[in-house]
Amino acid sequence: MAGWVRRLLQKPKQSSSSAESSLNTKQSPSSSSSSSSAVVTSSSTSSSVASRSPASQVSISSSGSARWAKSYDVCICHSNGDFEFVEEMVSYLESQPEGIRCFLQLRDAMPGSAITTELCDAVQNSHCWVLLITPSFLEDPWCRYQMHQALAEAPMANGRTIPVLKGIDQRDYPRELRCLYYIDVTRKENGFRQIKDTILRYLQELCQSTMSRIE
């Protein structure tokens, strides 16, 4: 019995350097796996970014575009006294290569339907709203009603509500719109181009964000 205990006590201990070497050897497969995993993640991220890049080229005219979720690209809110000017503006917008779809109340409203219903439907079924602010607009209660409907529909949406000033002083600019930049159409061609660019920019951002959410 004493001999057995003596042999047990004399068994050589593993050196600390040997133990450390053994530990490193055992951990090396895990380290390799971790490194491999990091490479795969990086590759996967690059692939993901690459797959999203075509979204930046999304066309607002493509069949699956969010543009077609509404009946009109823009609703023109105006006084009847400004109809001649509005017809010219709408003709310019609709003749663009993108074929901007305009709602013009005297042309597109359903005969016999209630005015309030038509005005509300026009606002809800359009992506953007052009408010032609003129002396006649400021005196027309229906114009103010439609302006308030547009602001209630999207109070903070950049580019959706587009105030356009014609023939009024800046101090007469409606208080409700003073948080929004306006377009001055004193120079008609330049003003029409700004209106077109604003509408198309909003549609492009809409289609872009919708595509990004889908991906």
C-alpha atoms as a PDB file:
ATOM      1  CA  MET A   1       0.000   0.000   0.000  1.00  0.00           C
ATOM      2  CA  ALA A   2       2.836   2.430   0.936  1.00  0.00           C
ATOM      3  CA  GLY A   3       4.613   1.625  -2.369  1.00  0.00           C
ATOM      4  CA  TRP A   4       1.499   2.470  -4.372  1.00  0.00           C
ATOM      5  CA  VAL A   5       1.113   5.840  -2.645  1.00  0.00           C
ATOM      6  CA  ARG A   6       4.793   6.589  -3.175  1.00  0.00           C
ATOM      7  CA  ARG A   7       4.551   5.910  -6.958  1.00  0.00           C
ATOM      8  CA  LEU A   8       1.473   8.158  -7.228  1.00  0.00           C
ATOM      9  CA  LEU A   9       3.225  11.060  -5.514  1.00  0.00           C
ATOM     10  CA  GLN A  10       6.267  10.694  -7.762  1.00  0.00           C
ATOM     11  CA  LYS A  11       4.185  10.985 -11.022  1.00  0.00           C
ATOM     12  CA  PRO A  12       5.690  13.961 -13.014  1.00  0.00           C
ATOM     13  CA  LYS A  13       3.487  17.123 -13.300  1.00  0.00           C
ATOM     14  CA  GLN A  14       2.777  18.661 -16.694  1.00  0.00           C
ATOM     15  CA  SER A  15       4.846  21.835 -17.154  1.00  0.00           C
ATOM     16  CA  SER A  16       3.018  25.151 -17.446  1.00  0.00           C
ATOM     17  CA  SER A  17       4.482  25.749 -20.943  1.00  0.00           C
ATOM     18  CA  SER A  18       3.286  22.341 -22.075  1.00  0.00           C
ATOM     19  CA  ALA A  19      -0.203  23.033 -20.697  1.00  0.00           C
ATOM     20  CA  GLU A  20      -0.320  26.388 -22.465  1.00  0.00           C
ATOM     21  CA  SER A  21       0.759  24.765 -25.722  1.00  0.00           C
ATOM     22  CA  SER A  22      -1.951  22.163 -25.338  1.00  0.00           C
ATOM     23  CA  LEU A  23      -4.543  24.838 -24.643  1.00  0.00           C
ATOM     24  CA  ASN A  24      -3.548  26.820 -27.736  1.00  0.00           C
ATOM     25  CA  THR A  25      -3.745  23.666 -29.819  1.00  0.00           C
ATOM     26  CA  LYS A  26      -7.265  22.964 -28.595  1.00  0.00           C
ATOM     27  CA  GLN A  27      -8.418  26.524 -29.301  1.00  0.00           C
ATOM     28  CA  SER A  28      -6.964  26.872 -32.788  1.00  0.00           C
ATOM     29  CA  PRO A  29      -9.884  25.219 -34.636  1.00  0.00           C
ATOM     30  CA  SER A  30     -12.261  27.668 -32.933  1.00  0.00           C
ATOM     31  CA  SER A  31     -10.117  30.652 -33.949  1.00  0.00           C
ATOM     32  CA  SER A  32      -9.996  29.409 -37.532  1.00  0.00           C
ATOM     33  CA  SER A  33     -13.755  28.998 -37.541  1.00  0.00           C
ATOM     34  CA  SER A  34     -14.203  32.541 -36.199  1.00  0.00           C
ATOM     35  CA  SER A  35     -11.939  33.966 -38.877  1.00  0.00           C
ATOM     36  CA  SER A  36     -13.796  32.060 -41.577  1.00  0.00           C
ATOM     37  CA  SER A  37     -17.099  33.316 -40.206  1.00  0.00           C
ATOM     38  CA  ALA A  38     -15.894  36.920 -40.366  1.00  0.00           C
ATOM     39  CA  VAL A  39     -14.945  36.513 -44.016  1.00  0.00           C
ATOM     40  CA  VAL A  40     -18.363  35.070 -44.853  1.00  0.00           C
ATOM     41  CA  THR A  41     -20.114  37.942 -43.080  1.00  0.00           C
ATOM     42  CA  SER A  42     -18.104  40.525 -44.972  1.00  0.00           C
ATOM     43  CA  SER A  43     -18.804  38.780 -48.255  1.00  0.00           C
ATOM     44  CA  SER A  44     -22.478  38.569 -47.417  1.00  0.00           C
ATOM     45  CA  THR A  45     -22.596  42.291 -46.612  1.00  0.00           C
ATOM     46  CA  SER A  46     -20.900  43.194 -49.874  1.00  0.00           C
ATOM     47  CA  SER A  47     -23.341  41.004 -51.755  1.00  0.00           C
ATOM     48  CA  SER A  48     -26.263  42.662 -49.961  1.00  0.00           C
ATOM     49  CA  VAL A  49     -25.029  46.159 -50.834  1.00  0.00           C
ATOM     50  CA  ALA A  50     -24.491  45.126 -54.431  1.00  0.00           C
ATOM     51  CA  SER A  51     -28.004  43.709 -54.654  1.00  0.00           C
ATOM     52  CA  ARG A  52     -29.490  47.002 -53.428  1.00  0.00           C
ATOM     53  CA  SER A  53     -27.522  49.253 -55.732  1.00  0.00           C
ATOM     54  CA  PRO A  54     -29.872  48.869 -58.740  1.00  0.00           C
ATOM     55  CA  ALA A  55     -32.659  50.381 -56.586  1.00  0.00           C
ATOM     56  CA  SER A  56     -30.990  53.759 -57.003  1.00  0.00           C
ATOM     57  CA  GLN A  57     -31.825  53.459 -60.690  1.00  0.00           C
ATOM     58  CA  VAL A  58     -35.530  52.712 -60.136  1.00  0.00           C
ATOM     59  CA  SER A  59     -37.755  54.265 -62.779  1.00  0.00           C
ATOM     60  CA  ILE A  60     -40.912  56.110 -61.773  1.00  0.00           C
ATOM     61  CA  SER A  61     -42.512  54.856 -64.989  1.00  0.00           C
ATOM     62  CA  SER A  62     -41.888  51.133 -64.428  1.00  0.00           C
ATOM     63  CA  SER A  63     -45.013  48.979 -64.109  1.00  0.00           C
ATOM     64  CA  GLY A  64     -44.331  48.050 -60.466  1.00  0.00           C
ATOM     65  CA  SER A  65     -43.575  51.592 -59.340  1.00  0.00           C
ATOM     66  CA  ALA A  66     -45.349  53.097 -56.303  1.00  0.00           C
ATOM     67  CA  ARG A  67     -46.361  55.956 -58.584  1.00  0.00           C
ATOM     68  CA  TRP A  68     -49.298  53.923 -59.887  1.00  0.00           C
ATOM     69  CA  ALA A  69     -50.791  53.431 -56.421  1.00  0.00           C
ATOM     70  CA  LYS A  70     -52.650  56.736 -56.891  1.00  0.00           C
ATOM     71  CA  SER A  71     -54.737  57.963 -59.813  1.00  0.00           C
ATOM     72  CA  TYR A  72     -52.874  61.258 -60.247  1.00  0.00           C
ATOM     73  CA  ASP A  73     -49.350  62.558 -59.790  1.00  0.00           C
ATOM     74  CA  VAL A  74     -50.562  66.048 -58.895  1.00  0.00           C
ATOM     75  CA  CYS A  75     -53.797  67.799 -58.022  1.00  0.00           C
ATOM     76  CA  ILE A  76     -53.988  71.432 -59.165  1.00  0.00           C
ATOM     77  CA  CYS A  77     -55.802  73.551 -56.561  1.00  0.00           C
ATOM     78  CA  HIS A  78     -56.846  76.888 -58.057  1.00  0.00           C
ATOM     79  CA  SER A  79     -59.546  79.501 -58.345  1.00  0.00           C
ATOM     80  CA  ASN A  80     -61.849  79.446 -61.364  1.00  0.00           C
ATOM     81  CA  GLY A  81     -60.608  82.916 -62.219  1.00  0.00           C
ATOM     82  CA  ASP A  82     -57.123  81.513 -62.880  1.00  0.00           C
ATOM     83  CA  PHE A  83     -58.257  78.686 -65.157  1.00  0.00           C
ATOM     84  CA  GLU A  84     -56.562  79.988 -68.305  1.00  0.00           C
ATOM     85  CA  PHE A  85     -53.168  80.136 -66.594  1.00  0.00           C
ATOM     86  CA  VAL A  86     -53.734  76.720 -65.011  1.00  0.00           C
ATOM     87  CA  GLU A  87     -54.591  75.174 -68.393  1.00  0.00           C
ATOM     88  CA  GLU A  88     -51.259  76.393 -69.729  1.00  0.00           C
ATOM     89  CA  MET A  89     -49.395  74.971 -66.731  1.00  0.00           C
ATOM     90  CA  VAL A  90     -51.175  71.614 -66.975  1.00  0.00           C
ATOM     91  CA  SER A  91     -50.469  71.436 -70.707  1.00  0.00           C
ATOM     92  CA  TYR A  92     -46.763  71.925 -69.944  1.00  0.00           C
ATOM     93  CA  LEU A  93     -46.719  69.239 -67.221  1.00  0.00           C
ATOM     94  CA  GLU A  94     -48.673  66.643 -69.195  1.00  0.00           C
ATOM     95  CA  SER A  95     -46.477  67.122 -72.285  1.00  0.00           C
ATOM     96  CA  GLN A  96     -43.316  66.088 -70.403  1.00  0.00           C
ATOM     97  CA  PRO A  97     -41.682  62.739 -71.306  1.00  0.00           C
ATOM     98  CA  GLU A  98     -42.736  61.356 -67.899  1.00  0.00           C
ATOM     99  CA  GLY A  99     -46.379  62.126 -68.739  1.00  0.00           C
ATOM    100  CA  ILE A 100     -47.238  63.811 -65.438  1.00  0.00           C
ATOM    101  CA  ARG A 101     -50.870  62.991 -64.588  1.00  0.00           C
ATOM    102  CA  CYS A 102     -52.748  66.106 -63.449  1.00  0.00           C
ATOM    103  CA  PHE A 103     -56.137  66.424 -61.801  1.00  0.00           C
ATOM    104  CA  LEU A 104     -57.897  69.554 -63.022  1.00  0.00           C
ATOM    105  CA  GLN A 105     -61.209  70.053 -61.287  1.00  0.00           C
ATOM    106  CA  LEU A 106     -63.207  71.680 -64.126  1.00  0.00           C
ATOM    107  CA  ARG A 107     -61.957  69.022 -66.523  1.00  0.00           C
ATOM    108  CA  ASP A 108     -61.764  65.833 -64.442  1.00  0.00           C
ATOM    109  CA  ALA A 109     -64.454  66.142 -61.737  1.00  0.00           C
ATOM    110  CA  MET A 110     -67.478  63.860 -62.106  1.00  0.00           C
ATOM    111  CA  PRO A 111     -70.526  65.877 -63.256  1.00  0.00           C
ATOM    112  CA  GLY A 112     -73.272  65.887 -60.642  1.00  0.00           C
ATOM    113  CA  SER A 113     -71.021  64.824 -57.760  1.00  0.00           C
ATOM    114  CA  ALA A 114     -70.726  66.830 -54.547  1.00  0.00           C
ATOM    115  CA  ILE A 115     -67.989  69.465 -54.601  1.00  0.00           C
ATOM    116  CA  THR A 116     -66.647  68.491 -51.171  1.00  0.00           C
ATOM    117  CA  THR A 117     -66.473  64.828 -52.206  1.00  0.00           C
ATOM    118  CA  GLU A 118     -64.633  65.650 -55.422  1.00  0.00           C
ATOM    119  CA  LEU A 119     -62.160  67.942 -53.686  1.00  0.00           C
ATOM    120  CA  CYS A 120     -61.380  65.406 -50.959  1.00  0.00           C
ATOM    121  CA  ASP A 121     -61.057  62.545 -53.452  1.00  0.00           C
ATOM    122  CA  ALA A 122     -58.757  64.619 -55.646  1.00  0.00           C
ATOM    123  CA  VAL A 123     -56.453  65.321 -52.699  1.00  0.00           C
ATOM    124  CA  GLN A 124     -56.420  61.699 -51.488  1.00  0.00           C
ATOM    125  CA  ASN A 125     -55.889  60.238 -54.964  1.00  0.00           C
ATOM    126  CA  SER A 126     -52.927  62.485 -55.843  1.00  0.00           C
ATOM    127  CA  HIS A 127     -49.282  62.211 -54.801  1.00  0.00           C
ATOM    128  CA  CYS A 128     -48.676  65.986 -54.822  1.00  0.00           C
ATOM    129  CA  TRP A 129     -50.736  69.153 -54.651  1.00  0.00           C
ATOM    130  CA  VAL A 130     -49.986  72.413 -56.428  1.00  0.00           C
ATOM    131  CA  LEU A 131     -51.656  75.356 -54.691  1.00  0.00           C
ATOM    132  CA  LEU A 132     -51.842  78.305 -57.084  1.00  0.00           C
ATOM    133  CA  ILE A 133     -51.952  81.207 -54.612  1.00  0.00           C
ATOM    134  CA  THR A 134     -53.459  84.261 -56.324  1.00  0.00           C
ATOM    135  CA  PRO A 135     -55.756  87.082 -55.165  1.00  0.00           C
ATOM    136  CA  SER A 136     -58.707  84.990 -56.428  1.00  0.00           C
ATOM    137  CA  PHE A 137     -57.467  81.923 -54.512  1.00  0.00           C
ATOM    138  CA  LEU A 138     -57.300  83.861 -51.241  1.00  0.00           C
ATOM    139  CA  GLU A 139     -60.908  85.005 -51.660  1.00  0.00           C
ATOM    140  CA  ASP A 140     -62.284  81.589 -52.641  1.00  0.00           C
ATOM    141  CA  PRO A 141     -63.514  79.496 -49.660  1.00  0.00           C
ATOM    142  CA  TRP A 142     -63.342  76.295 -51.712  1.00  0.00           C
ATOM    143  CA  CYS A 143     -59.651  76.920 -52.478  1.00  0.00           C
ATOM    144  CA  ARG A 144     -58.914  77.372 -48.783  1.00  0.00           C
ATOM    145  CA  TYR A 145     -60.903  74.231 -48.014  1.00  0.00           C
ATOM    146  CA  GLN A 146     -58.796  72.210 -50.470  1.00  0.00           C
ATOM    147  CA  MET A 147     -55.595  73.760 -49.127  1.00  0.00           C
ATOM    148  CA  HIS A 148     -56.503  72.629 -45.608  1.00  0.00           C
ATOM    149  CA  GLN A 149     -57.363  69.151 -46.898  1.00  0.00           C
ATOM    150  CA  ALA A 150     -53.920  68.881 -48.503  1.00  0.00           C
ATOM    151  CA  LEU A 151     -52.168  70.015 -45.321  1.00  0.00           C
ATOM    152  CA  ALA A 152     -54.208  67.567 -43.228  1.00  0.00           C
ATOM    153  CA  GLU A 153     -53.367  64.713 -45.606  1.00  0.00           C
ATOM    154  CA  ALA A 154     -49.594  65.153 -45.252  1.00  0.00           C
ATOM    155  CA  PRO A 155     -48.630  68.114 -43.032  1.00  0.00           C
ATOM    156  CA  MET A 156     -44.862  67.431 -42.985  1.00  0.00           C
ATOM    157  CA  ALA A 157     -44.288  65.547 -46.243  1.00  0.00           C
ATOM    158  CA  ASN A 158     -41.499  67.287 -48.141  1.00  0.00           C
ATOM    159  CA  GLY A 159     -42.421  68.028 -51.736  1.00  0.00           C
ATOM    160  CA  ARG A 160     -46.061  66.940 -51.612  1.00  0.00           C
ATOM    161  CA  THR A 161     -47.604  70.360 -51.034  1.00  0.00           C
ATOM    162  CA  ILE A 162     -46.228  72.842 -53.566  1.00  0.00           C
ATOM    163  CA  PRO A 163     -47.300  76.474 -53.037  1.00  0.00           C
ATOM    164  CA  VAL A 164     -47.097  78.585 -56.208  1.00  0.00           C
ATOM    165  CA  LEU A 165     -47.381  82.373 -55.937  1.00  0.00           C
ATOM    166  CA  LYS A 166     -48.787  84.511 -58.739  1.00  0.00           C
ATOM    167  CA  GLY A 167     -49.690  88.189 -58.485  1.00  0.00           C
ATOM    168  CA  ILE A 168     -49.633  88.542 -54.705  1.00  0.00           C
ATOM    169  CA  ASP A 169     -47.272  90.164 -52.255  1.00  0.00           C
ATOM    170  CA  GLN A 170     -45.213  87.954 -49.985  1.00  0.00           C
ATOM    171  CA  ARG A 171     -46.955  89.401 -46.928  1.00  0.00           C
ATOM    172  CA  ASP A 172     -50.242  87.916 -48.218  1.00  0.00           C
ATOM    173  CA  TYR A 173     -48.772  84.414 -48.307  1.00  0.00           C
ATOM    174  CA  PRO A 174     -51.147  82.229 -46.184  1.00  0.00           C
ATOM    175  CA  ARG A 175     -49.959  81.670 -42.639  1.00  0.00           C
ATOM    176  CA  GLU A 176     -50.782  77.973 -42.901  1.00  0.00           C
ATOM    177  CA  LEU A 177     -48.110  77.591 -45.597  1.00  0.00           C
ATOM    178  CA  ARG A 178     -45.302  79.660 -44.123  1.00  0.00           C
ATOM    179  CA  CYS A 179     -43.375  76.555 -43.076  1.00  0.00           C
ATOM    180  CA  LEU A 180     -43.080  75.662 -46.797  1.00  0.00           C
ATOM    181  CA  TYR A 181     -40.989  77.237 -49.537  1.00  0.00           C
ATOM    182  CA  TYR A 182     -42.998  78.502 -52.493  1.00  0.00           C
ATOM    183  CA  ILE A 183     -42.422  78.834 -56.226  1.00  0.00           C
ATOM    184  CA  ASP A 184     -42.805  82.260 -57.825  1.00  0.00           C
ATOM    185  CA  VAL A 185     -44.170  82.104 -61.384  1.00  0.00           C
ATOM    186  CA  THR A 186     -43.423  85.713 -62.290  1.00  0.00           C
ATOM    187  CA  ARG A 187     -41.087  84.159 -64.854  1.00  0.00           C
ATOM    188  CA  LYS A 188     -43.506  81.602 -66.254  1.00  0.00           C
ATOM    189  CA  GLU A 189     -41.136  79.175 -67.962  1.00  0.00           C
ATOM    190  CA  ASN A 190     -38.786  79.016 -65.010  1.00  0.00           C
ATOM    191  CA  GLY A 191     -41.726  78.563 -62.626  1.00  0.00           C
ATOM    192  CA  PHE A 192     -43.260  75.744 -64.674  1.00  0.00           C
ATOM    193  CA  ARG A 193     -39.896  73.961 -64.763  1.00  0.00           C
ATOM    194  CA  GLN A 194     -39.537  74.234 -60.983  1.00  0.00           C
ATOM    195  CA  ILE A 195     -43.021  72.777 -60.495  1.00  0.00           C
ATOM    196  CA  LYS A 196     -42.203  69.877 -62.799  1.00  0.00           C
ATOM    197  CA  ASP A 197     -38.861  69.189 -61.084  1.00  0.00           C
ATOM    198  CA  THR A 198     -40.472  69.249 -57.625  1.00  0.00           C
ATOM    199  CA  ILE A 199     -43.155  66.745 -58.637  1.00  0.00           C
ATOM    200  CA  LEU A 200     -40.670  64.391 -60.293  1.00  0.00           C
ATOM    201  CA  ARG A 201     -38.271  64.598 -57.350  1.00  0.00           C
ATOM    202  CA  TYR A 202     -41.024  63.597 -54.941  1.00  0.00           C
ATOM    203  CA  LEU A 203     -42.096  60.691 -57.173  1.00  0.00           C
ATOM    204  CA  GLN A 204     -38.489  59.512 -57.478  1.00  0.00           C
ATOM    205  CA  GLU A 205     -37.999  59.577 -53.694  1.00  0.00           C
ATOM    206  CA  LEU A 206     -41.313  57.787 -53.186  1.00  0.00           C
ATOM    207  CA  CYS A 207     -40.408  54.971 -55.583  1.00  0.00           C
ATOM    208  CA  GLN A 208     -36.890  54.753 -54.146  1.00  0.00           C
ATOM    209  CA  SER A 209     -38.051  54.419 -50.524  1.00  0.00           C
ATOM    210  CA  THR A 210     -40.750  51.902 -51.461  1.00  0.00           C
ATOM    211  CA  MET A 211     -38.215  49.756 -53.331  1.00  0.00           C
ATOM    212  CA  SER A 212     -35.795  49.911 -50.385  1.00  0.00           C
ATOM    213  CA  ARG A 213     -38.484  48.693 -47.968  1.00  0.00           C
ATOM    214  CA  ILE A 214     -39.312  45.771 -50.254  1.00  0.00           C
ATOM    215  CA  GLU A 215     -35.653  44.712 -50.381  1.00  0.00           C
END
